[in-house]
Amino acid sequence: MSSSLFTAIIVSTTILIGSGCVEQPSVSTAPVPPSSPTVVAESNNIRVFEPAPGVRLTSANIRIRGEARVFENVMQWRLRDMVEGVKAEGFVVVDAKDVGQFGSFDFIERSPAFNGPGPVRLELFQFSAKDGSEIDKVIIDFTASSGFAGS
């Protein structure tokens, strides 16, 4: 190919692109997904986002949030005063879309009256379908501040 023909092709292409006659490839930017919540404690099948270990609670309402992959979408929870023992317990249904997938949980538990300020333990777990034992237990220790007595 002669250099004058090559120059003509380059000039023609530049004119066509500049005039909008030839489409330029567009650069697409995919939307940035929202950042994933920070996992503060976990087992193989339960991930907790809050409360974080070591926090000092100043309210009688405890927000418990995370995700779990548990049998029949049922996860157990327990609040324990480290002096008097179990103060409250129950279960929550996890919002999993299908078997074997993680689903979210997010609930607020109004705490029972604790024995003054001091250490409190949250336990999240599931009962084994095989033998009923507690499995996948996640333990989060935190502190109830003074005046924190179910008020």
N, C-alpha and C. Protein backbone atom coordinates (compact mmCIF):
# COMPACT_ATOMS: atom_id res chain seq x y z
N MET A 1 0.85 -1.16 0.00
CA MET A 1 0.00 0.00 0.00
C MET A 1 0.90 1.23 0.00
N SER A 2 0.57 2.19 -0.84
CA SER A 2 1.39 3.39 -0.93
C SER A 2 1.11 4.30 0.27
N SER A 3 2.07 5.13 0.59
CA SER A 3 1.92 6.00 1.76
C SER A 3 0.84 7.04 1.55
N SER A 4 0.60 7.48 0.30
CA SER A 4 -0.45 8.48 0.07
C SER A 4 -1.84 7.86 0.25
N LEU A 5 -2.00 6.57 -0.14
CA LEU A 5 -3.28 5.89 0.05
C LEU A 5 -3.53 5.68 1.55
N PHE A 6 -2.51 5.30 2.28
CA PHE A 6 -2.61 5.09 3.71
C PHE A 6 -2.99 6.40 4.42
N THR A 7 -2.37 7.49 4.04
CA THR A 7 -2.68 8.80 4.60
C THR A 7 -4.11 9.19 4.30
N ALA A 8 -4.61 8.90 3.10
CA ALA A 8 -5.99 9.22 2.71
C ALA A 8 -6.99 8.44 3.56
N ILE A 9 -6.67 7.17 3.84
CA ILE A 9 -7.58 6.35 4.67
C ILE A 9 -7.64 6.90 6.08
N ILE A 10 -6.49 7.25 6.63
CA ILE A 10 -6.45 7.80 7.99
C ILE A 10 -7.22 9.11 8.07
N VAL A 11 -7.02 10.01 7.12
CA VAL A 11 -7.70 11.30 7.11
C VAL A 11 -9.20 11.09 6.96
N SER A 12 -9.64 10.20 6.06
CA SER A 12 -11.06 9.95 5.84
C SER A 12 -11.71 9.38 7.10
N THR A 13 -11.03 8.44 7.75
CA THR A 13 -11.57 7.84 8.98
C THR A 13 -11.70 8.89 10.07
N THR A 14 -10.71 9.74 10.19
CA THR A 14 -10.74 10.79 11.20
C THR A 14 -11.89 11.74 10.95
N ILE A 15 -12.13 12.11 9.69
CA ILE A 15 -13.23 13.02 9.35
C ILE A 15 -14.57 12.37 9.66
N LEU A 16 -14.74 11.08 9.31
CA LEU A 16 -16.01 10.39 9.54
C LEU A 16 -16.30 10.26 11.05
N ILE A 17 -15.27 9.92 11.82
CA ILE A 17 -15.48 9.78 13.26
C ILE A 17 -15.81 11.13 13.87
N GLY A 18 -15.06 12.16 13.49
CA GLY A 18 -15.28 13.51 14.03
C GLY A 18 -16.63 14.08 13.67
N SER A 19 -17.19 13.71 12.52
CA SER A 19 -18.47 14.26 12.09
C SER A 19 -19.66 13.48 12.66
N GLY A 20 -19.39 12.36 13.32
CA GLY A 20 -20.48 11.57 13.90
C GLY A 20 -21.04 10.56 12.93
N CYS A 21 -20.47 10.41 11.74
CA CYS A 21 -20.97 9.45 10.76
C CYS A 21 -20.62 8.02 11.15
N VAL A 22 -19.57 7.84 11.89
CA VAL A 22 -19.15 6.51 12.33
C VAL A 22 -19.27 6.49 13.84
N GLU A 23 -19.92 5.45 14.35
CA GLU A 23 -20.11 5.35 15.79
C GLU A 23 -18.83 4.95 16.47
N GLN A 24 -18.50 5.66 17.50
CA GLN A 24 -17.35 5.28 18.30
C GLN A 24 -17.79 4.27 19.36
N PRO A 25 -16.92 3.34 19.66
CA PRO A 25 -17.30 2.39 20.72
C PRO A 25 -17.49 3.14 22.04
N SER A 26 -18.54 2.78 22.73
CA SER A 26 -18.79 3.46 24.00
C SER A 26 -18.18 2.65 25.14
N VAL A 27 -17.78 3.35 26.14
CA VAL A 27 -17.24 2.71 27.32
C VAL A 27 -18.36 2.69 28.34
N SER A 28 -18.77 1.50 28.73
CA SER A 28 -19.86 1.43 29.70
C SER A 28 -19.27 1.25 31.09
N THR A 29 -19.90 1.89 32.01
CA THR A 29 -19.49 1.73 33.40
C THR A 29 -20.64 1.05 34.11
N ALA A 30 -20.38 -0.14 34.62
CA ALA A 30 -21.40 -0.88 35.34
C ALA A 30 -21.67 -0.18 36.67
N PRO A 31 -22.91 -0.20 37.10
CA PRO A 31 -23.20 0.43 38.40
C PRO A 31 -22.42 -0.29 39.50
N VAL A 32 -21.95 0.48 40.44
CA VAL A 32 -21.19 -0.08 41.54
C VAL A 32 -22.19 -0.62 42.56
N PRO A 33 -22.09 -1.92 42.88
CA PRO A 33 -23.03 -2.46 43.85
C PRO A 33 -22.77 -1.86 45.23
N PRO A 34 -23.81 -1.79 46.06
CA PRO A 34 -23.61 -1.25 47.40
C PRO A 34 -22.62 -2.14 48.15
N SER A 35 -21.87 -1.54 49.02
CA SER A 35 -20.87 -2.32 49.75
C SER A 35 -21.56 -3.32 50.66
N SER A 36 -20.93 -4.46 50.79
CA SER A 36 -21.47 -5.51 51.65
C SER A 36 -21.28 -5.12 53.10
N PRO A 37 -22.23 -5.49 53.94
CA PRO A 37 -22.06 -5.18 55.36
C PRO A 37 -20.84 -5.93 55.92
N THR A 38 -20.26 -5.38 56.94
CA THR A 38 -19.11 -6.00 57.58
C THR A 38 -19.57 -7.13 58.49
N VAL A 39 -18.98 -8.29 58.32
CA VAL A 39 -19.27 -9.43 59.18
C VAL A 39 -18.46 -9.26 60.46
N VAL A 40 -19.14 -9.23 61.61
CA VAL A 40 -18.45 -9.01 62.88
C VAL A 40 -18.22 -10.31 63.64
N ALA A 41 -18.96 -11.36 63.28
CA ALA A 41 -18.78 -12.68 63.89
C ALA A 41 -19.46 -13.68 62.97
N GLU A 42 -18.90 -14.91 62.90
CA GLU A 42 -19.51 -15.89 61.99
C GLU A 42 -19.14 -17.32 62.36
N SER A 43 -19.96 -18.22 61.87
CA SER A 43 -19.69 -19.66 61.86
C SER A 43 -19.84 -20.08 60.40
N ASN A 44 -19.86 -21.37 60.14
CA ASN A 44 -20.00 -21.83 58.76
C ASN A 44 -21.31 -21.38 58.12
N ASN A 45 -22.37 -21.28 58.90
CA ASN A 45 -23.68 -21.01 58.34
C ASN A 45 -24.40 -19.79 58.92
N ILE A 46 -23.75 -19.05 59.79
CA ILE A 46 -24.36 -17.84 60.36
C ILE A 46 -23.32 -16.72 60.33
N ARG A 47 -23.72 -15.58 59.76
CA ARG A 47 -22.87 -14.39 59.71
C ARG A 47 -23.62 -13.25 60.38
N VAL A 48 -22.96 -12.58 61.31
CA VAL A 48 -23.60 -11.49 62.05
C VAL A 48 -22.98 -10.16 61.64
N PHE A 49 -23.83 -9.17 61.37
CA PHE A 49 -23.39 -7.82 61.03
C PHE A 49 -23.46 -6.90 62.26
N GLU A 50 -24.43 -7.12 63.11
CA GLU A 50 -24.52 -6.37 64.36
C GLU A 50 -25.37 -7.11 65.35
N PRO A 51 -25.11 -6.95 66.65
CA PRO A 51 -24.18 -6.02 67.27
C PRO A 51 -22.74 -6.53 67.18
N ALA A 52 -21.82 -5.62 67.20
CA ALA A 52 -20.40 -5.98 67.15
C ALA A 52 -19.92 -6.40 68.53
N PRO A 53 -19.01 -7.35 68.59
CA PRO A 53 -18.45 -7.73 69.89
C PRO A 53 -17.80 -6.52 70.57
N GLY A 54 -17.98 -6.45 71.88
CA GLY A 54 -17.33 -5.40 72.65
C GLY A 54 -18.06 -4.07 72.70
N VAL A 55 -19.18 -3.93 71.96
CA VAL A 55 -19.89 -2.64 72.01
C VAL A 55 -20.53 -2.44 73.38
N ARG A 56 -20.79 -1.20 73.70
CA ARG A 56 -21.48 -0.86 74.94
C ARG A 56 -22.89 -0.44 74.57
N LEU A 57 -23.86 -1.20 75.00
CA LEU A 57 -25.25 -0.90 74.69
C LEU A 57 -25.79 0.13 75.67
N THR A 58 -26.46 1.12 75.14
CA THR A 58 -27.04 2.17 75.97
C THR A 58 -28.55 2.21 75.85
N SER A 59 -29.12 1.25 75.13
CA SER A 59 -30.56 1.20 74.92
C SER A 59 -31.05 -0.19 75.28
N ALA A 60 -32.32 -0.28 75.62
CA ALA A 60 -32.90 -1.59 75.93
C ALA A 60 -33.22 -2.38 74.68
N ASN A 61 -33.15 -1.73 73.52
CA ASN A 61 -33.42 -2.42 72.26
C ASN A 61 -32.11 -2.85 71.63
N ILE A 62 -32.01 -4.13 71.31
CA ILE A 62 -30.80 -4.67 70.71
C ILE A 62 -31.14 -5.08 69.28
N ARG A 63 -30.49 -4.45 68.31
CA ARG A 63 -30.69 -4.82 66.91
C ARG A 63 -29.76 -5.97 66.58
N ILE A 64 -30.33 -7.04 66.03
CA ILE A 64 -29.58 -8.23 65.66
C ILE A 64 -29.78 -8.43 64.17
N ARG A 65 -28.67 -8.35 63.42
CA ARG A 65 -28.77 -8.34 61.96
C ARG A 65 -27.65 -9.19 61.37
N GLY A 66 -28.00 -9.93 60.30
CA GLY A 66 -27.00 -10.74 59.61
C GLY A 66 -27.64 -11.60 58.54
N GLU A 67 -26.99 -12.74 58.28
CA GLU A 67 -27.54 -13.69 57.31
C GLU A 67 -27.18 -15.09 57.76
N ALA A 68 -28.02 -16.04 57.38
CA ALA A 68 -27.80 -17.42 57.81
C ALA A 68 -28.32 -18.40 56.77
N ARG A 69 -27.72 -19.58 56.81
CA ARG A 69 -28.15 -20.72 55.99
C ARG A 69 -28.43 -21.83 56.99
N VAL A 70 -29.69 -21.93 57.40
CA VAL A 70 -30.07 -22.83 58.49
C VAL A 70 -31.22 -23.74 58.08
N PHE A 71 -31.33 -24.87 58.77
CA PHE A 71 -32.35 -25.87 58.49
C PHE A 71 -33.74 -25.26 58.65
N GLU A 72 -34.56 -25.44 57.62
CA GLU A 72 -35.92 -24.92 57.57
C GLU A 72 -36.01 -23.42 57.86
N ASN A 73 -34.90 -22.70 57.59
CA ASN A 73 -34.84 -21.24 57.74
C ASN A 73 -35.13 -20.75 59.16
N VAL A 74 -34.87 -21.59 60.15
CA VAL A 74 -35.13 -21.20 61.54
C VAL A 74 -33.81 -21.12 62.29
N MET A 75 -33.53 -19.94 62.85
CA MET A 75 -32.32 -19.72 63.63
C MET A 75 -32.73 -19.38 65.06
N GLN A 76 -32.03 -19.94 66.01
CA GLN A 76 -32.28 -19.70 67.43
C GLN A 76 -31.40 -18.56 67.94
N TRP A 77 -31.87 -17.88 68.96
CA TRP A 77 -31.07 -16.84 69.61
C TRP A 77 -31.28 -16.92 71.12
N ARG A 78 -30.29 -16.40 71.83
CA ARG A 78 -30.34 -16.41 73.30
C ARG A 78 -29.55 -15.23 73.82
N LEU A 79 -30.11 -14.52 74.81
CA LEU A 79 -29.41 -13.46 75.52
C LEU A 79 -29.12 -13.95 76.92
N ARG A 80 -27.87 -13.78 77.32
CA ARG A 80 -27.43 -14.32 78.60
C ARG A 80 -26.75 -13.21 79.41
N ASP A 81 -27.23 -13.04 80.63
CA ASP A 81 -26.55 -12.18 81.60
C ASP A 81 -25.44 -13.05 82.17
N MET A 82 -24.23 -12.57 82.17
CA MET A 82 -23.10 -13.40 82.57
C MET A 82 -23.09 -13.69 84.07
N VAL A 83 -24.02 -13.07 84.81
CA VAL A 83 -24.12 -13.33 86.25
C VAL A 83 -25.26 -14.30 86.53
N GLU A 84 -26.44 -14.02 85.96
CA GLU A 84 -27.64 -14.79 86.28
C GLU A 84 -28.00 -15.86 85.25
N GLY A 85 -27.38 -15.87 84.10
CA GLY A 85 -27.68 -16.88 83.08
C GLY A 85 -28.63 -16.38 82.01
N VAL A 86 -29.39 -17.29 81.43
CA VAL A 86 -30.28 -16.97 80.30
C VAL A 86 -31.38 -16.02 80.75
N LYS A 87 -31.49 -14.90 80.03
CA LYS A 87 -32.51 -13.90 80.34
C LYS A 87 -33.62 -13.88 79.30
N ALA A 88 -33.30 -14.25 78.05
CA ALA A 88 -34.31 -14.27 76.98
C ALA A 88 -33.82 -15.20 75.89
N GLU A 89 -34.75 -15.83 75.20
CA GLU A 89 -34.39 -16.67 74.07
C GLU A 89 -35.58 -16.79 73.14
N GLY A 90 -35.30 -17.18 71.92
CA GLY A 90 -36.36 -17.31 70.93
C GLY A 90 -35.79 -17.78 69.61
N PHE A 91 -36.55 -17.54 68.57
CA PHE A 91 -36.11 -17.92 67.23
C PHE A 91 -36.52 -16.85 66.24
N VAL A 92 -35.89 -16.88 65.08
CA VAL A 92 -36.24 -15.96 64.00
C VAL A 92 -36.24 -16.77 62.71
N VAL A 93 -37.15 -16.43 61.82
CA VAL A 93 -37.21 -17.07 60.51
C VAL A 93 -36.34 -16.26 59.56
N VAL A 94 -35.41 -16.94 58.93
CA VAL A 94 -34.47 -16.31 58.01
C VAL A 94 -35.11 -16.21 56.64
N ASP A 95 -34.85 -15.12 55.94
CA ASP A 95 -35.46 -14.86 54.63
C ASP A 95 -34.60 -15.42 53.49
N ALA A 96 -34.43 -16.74 53.45
CA ALA A 96 -33.67 -17.37 52.36
C ALA A 96 -34.61 -17.65 51.19
N LYS A 97 -34.15 -17.39 49.99
CA LYS A 97 -35.00 -17.57 48.80
C LYS A 97 -35.12 -19.04 48.38
N ASP A 98 -34.12 -19.84 48.76
CA ASP A 98 -34.15 -21.25 48.37
C ASP A 98 -33.33 -22.07 49.35
N VAL A 99 -33.54 -23.37 49.35
CA VAL A 99 -32.80 -24.28 50.21
C VAL A 99 -31.30 -24.18 49.92
N GLY A 100 -30.50 -24.12 50.97
CA GLY A 100 -29.06 -24.08 50.80
C GLY A 100 -28.49 -22.70 50.54
N GLN A 101 -29.34 -21.68 50.50
CA GLN A 101 -28.86 -20.32 50.28
C GLN A 101 -28.93 -19.52 51.58
N PHE A 102 -28.05 -18.53 51.68
CA PHE A 102 -28.10 -17.63 52.82
C PHE A 102 -29.30 -16.70 52.66
N GLY A 103 -29.93 -16.42 53.77
CA GLY A 103 -31.02 -15.46 53.81
C GLY A 103 -30.78 -14.48 54.93
N SER A 104 -31.40 -13.33 54.86
CA SER A 104 -31.14 -12.29 55.84
C SER A 104 -32.05 -12.42 57.06
N PHE A 105 -31.56 -11.87 58.16
CA PHE A 105 -32.38 -11.69 59.35
C PHE A 105 -32.05 -10.31 59.92
N ASP A 106 -33.05 -9.67 60.46
CA ASP A 106 -32.88 -8.33 61.01
C ASP A 106 -34.05 -8.12 61.97
N PHE A 107 -33.75 -8.10 63.25
CA PHE A 107 -34.82 -7.91 64.22
C PHE A 107 -34.29 -7.13 65.42
N ILE A 108 -35.22 -6.55 66.14
CA ILE A 108 -34.88 -5.80 67.34
C ILE A 108 -35.49 -6.54 68.51
N GLU A 109 -34.65 -6.86 69.45
CA GLU A 109 -35.11 -7.55 70.66
C GLU A 109 -35.09 -6.57 71.81
N ARG A 110 -36.22 -6.44 72.46
CA ARG A 110 -36.26 -5.61 73.67
C ARG A 110 -35.68 -6.46 74.78
N SER A 111 -34.60 -6.00 75.32
CA SER A 111 -33.86 -6.82 76.27
C SER A 111 -34.60 -6.98 77.59
N PRO A 112 -34.33 -8.08 78.23
CA PRO A 112 -34.87 -8.26 79.58
C PRO A 112 -34.07 -7.41 80.55
N ALA A 113 -34.49 -7.36 81.79
CA ALA A 113 -33.73 -6.62 82.81
C ALA A 113 -32.46 -7.40 83.13
N PHE A 114 -31.34 -6.78 82.90
CA PHE A 114 -30.06 -7.40 83.25
C PHE A 114 -29.67 -6.99 84.66
N ASN A 115 -28.78 -7.73 85.23
CA ASN A 115 -28.32 -7.47 86.59
C ASN A 115 -27.34 -6.30 86.61
N GLY A 116 -27.86 -5.10 86.35
CA GLY A 116 -27.01 -3.90 86.35
C GLY A 116 -26.06 -3.87 85.17
N PRO A 117 -25.14 -2.93 85.19
CA PRO A 117 -24.17 -2.87 84.10
C PRO A 117 -23.24 -4.06 84.16
N GLY A 118 -22.82 -4.50 82.99
CA GLY A 118 -21.89 -5.63 82.97
C GLY A 118 -21.96 -6.41 81.67
N PRO A 119 -21.26 -7.54 81.64
CA PRO A 119 -21.17 -8.33 80.42
C PRO A 119 -22.46 -9.06 80.07
N VAL A 120 -22.76 -9.06 78.78
CA VAL A 120 -23.94 -9.73 78.24
C VAL A 120 -23.46 -10.56 77.05
N ARG A 121 -24.09 -11.70 76.82
CA ARG A 121 -23.71 -12.57 75.71
C ARG A 121 -24.93 -12.84 74.83
N LEU A 122 -24.72 -12.70 73.52
CA LEU A 122 -25.72 -13.08 72.52
C LEU A 122 -25.23 -14.35 71.86
N GLU A 123 -26.08 -15.35 71.80
CA GLU A 123 -25.76 -16.60 71.12
C GLU A 123 -26.74 -16.81 69.98
N LEU A 124 -26.24 -17.07 68.79
CA LEU A 124 -27.07 -17.40 67.63
C LEU A 124 -26.64 -18.78 67.16
N PHE A 125 -27.60 -19.65 66.85
CA PHE A 125 -27.27 -21.02 66.49
C PHE A 125 -28.46 -21.67 65.81
N GLN A 126 -28.27 -22.90 65.37
CA GLN A 126 -29.38 -23.70 64.88
C GLN A 126 -29.33 -25.05 65.57
N PHE A 127 -30.50 -25.69 65.64
CA PHE A 127 -30.55 -27.05 66.18
C PHE A 127 -30.26 -28.02 65.05
N SER A 128 -29.44 -29.00 65.32
CA SER A 128 -29.10 -30.02 64.33
C SER A 128 -30.33 -30.84 63.97
N ALA A 129 -30.56 -31.03 62.69
CA ALA A 129 -31.67 -31.88 62.23
C ALA A 129 -31.38 -33.34 62.57
N LYS A 130 -30.13 -33.66 62.76
CA LYS A 130 -29.72 -35.04 63.04
C LYS A 130 -30.00 -35.44 64.49
N ASP A 131 -29.55 -34.60 65.45
CA ASP A 131 -29.66 -35.01 66.85
C ASP A 131 -30.16 -33.93 67.80
N GLY A 132 -30.52 -32.76 67.28
CA GLY A 132 -31.06 -31.69 68.12
C GLY A 132 -30.04 -30.88 68.89
N SER A 133 -28.76 -31.17 68.68
CA SER A 133 -27.72 -30.40 69.38
C SER A 133 -27.60 -29.00 68.78
N GLU A 134 -26.99 -28.10 69.53
CA GLU A 134 -26.76 -26.74 69.05
C GLU A 134 -25.54 -26.75 68.14
N ILE A 135 -25.72 -26.26 66.91
CA ILE A 135 -24.60 -26.22 65.95
C ILE A 135 -24.49 -24.84 65.33
N ASP A 136 -23.35 -24.58 64.69
CA ASP A 136 -23.08 -23.30 64.02
C ASP A 136 -23.23 -22.12 64.96
N LYS A 137 -22.87 -22.30 66.23
CA LYS A 137 -23.08 -21.25 67.23
C LYS A 137 -22.11 -20.09 67.02
N VAL A 138 -22.68 -18.89 67.06
CA VAL A 138 -21.92 -17.65 67.04
C VAL A 138 -22.17 -16.98 68.39
N ILE A 139 -21.09 -16.58 69.05
CA ILE A 139 -21.19 -15.93 70.35
C ILE A 139 -20.64 -14.51 70.24
N ILE A 140 -21.43 -13.56 70.73
CA ILE A 140 -21.01 -12.16 70.72
C ILE A 140 -21.16 -11.63 72.13
N ASP A 141 -20.05 -11.22 72.72
CA ASP A 141 -20.05 -10.62 74.05
C ASP A 141 -20.02 -9.11 73.92
N PHE A 142 -20.86 -8.44 74.70
CA PHE A 142 -20.87 -6.99 74.72
C PHE A 142 -21.20 -6.55 76.14
N THR A 143 -21.34 -5.26 76.34
CA THR A 143 -21.53 -4.73 77.69
C THR A 143 -22.82 -3.93 77.75
N ALA A 144 -23.58 -4.19 78.81
CA ALA A 144 -24.75 -3.36 79.10
C ALA A 144 -24.27 -2.22 79.98
N SER A 145 -24.61 -1.00 79.61
CA SER A 145 -24.17 0.15 80.39
C SER A 145 -25.05 0.33 81.62
N SER A 146 -24.66 1.21 82.51
CA SER A 146 -25.45 1.44 83.71
C SER A 146 -26.82 1.99 83.32
N GLY A 147 -27.82 1.60 84.08
CA GLY A 147 -29.17 2.03 83.78
C GLY A 147 -29.84 1.19 82.71
N PHE A 148 -29.12 0.20 82.18
CA PHE A 148 -29.65 -0.67 81.14
C PHE A 148 -30.36 -1.83 81.83
N ALA A 149 -31.64 -1.67 82.02
CA ALA A 149 -32.38 -2.71 82.72
C ALA A 149 -33.75 -2.87 82.11
N GLY A 150 -33.78 -3.05 80.80
CA GLY A 150 -35.03 -3.26 80.11
C GLY A 150 -35.90 -2.02 80.04
N SER A 151 -35.32 -0.86 80.29
CA SER A 151 -36.12 0.37 80.29
C SER A 151 -36.32 0.92 78.91
